[in-house]
Amino acid sequence: MARRKLLTNQIELWGQKVAVDWAEPEPEIDEEVMSKVKVIYVRNLMLSTTEEGLADVFSEFGVVERVKKIRDYAFVHLQTHEQAQSCIDGFTGRDIEGALVEISFAKPVDRESYQKQKHARQQAAAIVSQQQQQQ
């Protein structure tokens, strides 16, 4: 019922039409693929935490090849899967700059499904834009 009502684009929130996009369930990643992952996902970081600071922290566990921080989370690329596992094991219950962080292996991106999702989002955005222009 709620989905049907929201899909009609008749609901407004703070003067804006509400668009609904339903999430697809995340596919399970093959164990063999995950056993090769060298990238860790670090969440709950302070906004002030820097990529350089993260590289320093995680270099205790292995060779950090690259760090990409986005707001309150980051992806840390290590040289080997074993080094990434050491980071996860060694950081349980520890904090970075006062923030208790959560660390796990990053899930590899399926390029084909990523491109399909990107295309679908672009199409949906174009439809919404057309609807707004018609109003």
Protein backbone atom coordinates (compact mmCIF):
# COMPACT_ATOMS: atom_id res chain seq x y z
CA MET A 1 0.00 0.00 0.00
CA ALA A 2 2.70 2.50 1.01
CA ARG A 3 4.82 1.63 -2.03
CA ARG A 4 1.87 2.06 -4.38
CA LYS A 5 1.05 5.44 -2.86
CA LEU A 6 4.66 6.65 -3.04
CA LEU A 7 5.09 5.49 -6.65
CA THR A 8 2.33 7.80 -7.82
CA ASN A 9 4.64 10.74 -6.97
CA GLN A 10 1.77 12.42 -5.10
CA ILE A 11 3.48 12.61 -1.71
CA GLU A 12 5.33 15.79 -0.76
CA LEU A 13 7.83 16.21 2.02
CA TRP A 14 8.89 19.76 2.92
CA GLY A 15 7.38 20.97 -0.34
CA GLN A 16 9.27 18.47 -2.51
CA LYS A 17 7.87 15.48 -4.38
CA VAL A 18 9.11 12.18 -2.93
CA ALA A 19 10.76 9.73 -5.35
CA VAL A 20 11.08 6.08 -4.34
CA ASP A 21 13.88 3.78 -5.40
CA TRP A 22 13.85 0.27 -3.94
CA ALA A 23 17.12 -1.35 -2.93
CA GLU A 24 18.18 -4.66 -4.34
CA PRO A 25 19.52 -7.25 -1.89
CA GLU A 26 23.30 -7.46 -1.80
CA PRO A 27 24.62 -10.52 -3.59
CA GLU A 28 26.76 -12.95 -1.61
CA ILE A 29 30.44 -12.76 -2.49
CA ASP A 30 32.20 -16.03 -3.29
CA GLU A 31 34.53 -17.21 -0.49
CA GLU A 32 37.36 -17.77 -2.96
CA VAL A 33 37.08 -14.18 -4.20
CA MET A 34 36.99 -12.82 -0.65
CA SER A 35 40.13 -14.80 0.22
CA LYS A 36 42.06 -12.61 -2.24
CA VAL A 37 40.78 -9.21 -1.04
CA LYS A 38 43.54 -6.85 0.10
CA VAL A 39 41.32 -3.87 0.88
CA ILE A 40 39.74 -3.16 4.25
CA TYR A 41 36.68 -1.02 4.93
CA VAL A 42 36.97 1.20 8.01
CA ARG A 43 33.83 2.91 9.30
CA ASN A 44 32.86 5.31 12.12
CA LEU A 45 35.88 7.56 11.60
CA MET A 46 36.07 11.11 12.86
CA LEU A 47 35.54 13.66 10.10
CA SER A 48 38.91 15.18 11.03
CA THR A 49 40.79 11.91 10.45
CA THR A 50 43.09 12.18 7.43
CA GLU A 51 44.21 9.66 4.83
CA GLU A 52 47.81 10.19 5.96
CA GLY A 53 46.85 9.47 9.57
CA LEU A 54 45.11 6.26 8.56
CA ALA A 55 48.12 5.17 6.51
CA ASP A 56 50.33 5.70 9.58
CA VAL A 57 47.97 3.73 11.86
CA PHE A 58 47.62 0.74 9.53
CA SER A 59 51.29 0.62 8.50
CA GLU A 60 51.82 -1.09 11.87
CA PHE A 61 50.19 -4.18 10.30
CA GLY A 62 51.61 -4.11 6.77
CA VAL A 63 52.46 -2.08 3.70
CA VAL A 64 49.71 0.46 2.98
CA GLU A 65 49.52 1.03 -0.76
CA ARG A 66 46.64 3.51 -0.81
CA VAL A 67 43.98 5.09 1.42
CA LYS A 68 40.72 6.62 0.21
CA LYS A 69 38.71 8.40 2.91
CA ILE A 70 35.16 9.54 2.27
CA ARG A 71 33.48 11.44 5.13
CA ASP A 72 33.36 8.99 8.06
CA TYR A 73 34.64 5.85 6.33
CA ALA A 74 37.68 4.77 4.35
CA PHE A 75 39.12 2.06 2.14
CA VAL A 76 42.67 1.03 3.01
CA HIS A 77 44.57 -0.94 0.34
CA LEU A 78 47.26 -3.24 1.70
CA GLN A 79 49.91 -5.25 -0.09
CA THR A 80 48.54 -8.71 0.80
CA HIS A 81 45.38 -10.39 2.05
CA GLU A 82 47.30 -11.55 5.13
CA GLN A 83 48.22 -7.96 6.01
CA ALA A 84 44.59 -6.92 5.63
CA GLN A 85 43.58 -9.79 7.93
CA SER A 86 46.18 -8.63 10.48
CA CYS A 87 44.63 -5.16 10.43
CA ILE A 88 41.18 -6.58 11.10
CA ASP A 89 42.44 -8.89 13.86
CA GLY A 90 44.71 -6.30 15.43
CA PHE A 91 42.19 -3.51 15.51
CA THR A 92 39.32 -5.24 17.26
CA GLY A 93 38.18 -2.99 20.11
CA ARG A 94 40.65 -0.19 19.33
CA ASP A 95 39.94 3.40 18.34
CA ILE A 96 41.37 5.96 15.96
CA GLU A 97 41.49 9.54 17.25
CA GLY A 98 38.86 8.74 19.88
CA ALA A 99 36.42 6.99 17.56
CA LEU A 100 35.72 3.27 18.05
CA VAL A 101 36.00 2.03 14.47
CA GLU A 102 34.61 -1.04 12.74
CA ILE A 103 36.84 -2.81 10.24
CA SER A 104 36.01 -5.51 7.70
CA PHE A 105 37.14 -6.69 4.30
CA ALA A 106 35.84 -4.48 1.51
CA LYS A 107 33.47 -6.28 -0.84
CA PRO A 108 34.78 -6.35 -4.41
CA VAL A 109 32.68 -4.54 -6.98
CA ASP A 110 31.04 -6.61 -9.71
CA ARG A 111 31.75 -4.28 -12.63
CA GLU A 112 28.88 -5.57 -14.78
CA SER A 113 26.18 -5.14 -12.14
CA TYR A 114 27.69 -1.79 -11.10
CA GLN A 115 27.34 -0.49 -14.67
CA LYS A 116 23.73 -1.74 -14.84
CA GLN A 117 22.86 -0.04 -11.55
CA LYS A 118 24.57 3.17 -12.63
CA HIS A 119 22.60 3.17 -15.89
CA ALA A 120 19.32 2.53 -14.05
CA ARG A 121 20.02 5.41 -11.61
CA GLN A 122 20.76 7.74 -14.52
CA GLN A 123 17.52 6.76 -16.25
CA ALA A 124 15.54 7.28 -13.03
CA ALA A 125 17.13 10.69 -12.51
CA ALA A 126 16.27 11.67 -16.09
CA ILE A 127 12.64 10.65 -15.57
CA VAL A 128 12.38 12.63 -12.33
CA SER A 129 13.97 15.64 -14.02
CA GLN A 130 11.48 15.44 -16.90
CA GLN A 131 8.58 15.20 -14.46
CA GLN A 132 9.81 18.24 -12.56
CA GLN A 133 10.21 20.25 -15.76
CA GLN A 134 6.67 19.37 -16.84
CA GLN A 135 5.23 20.73 -13.60
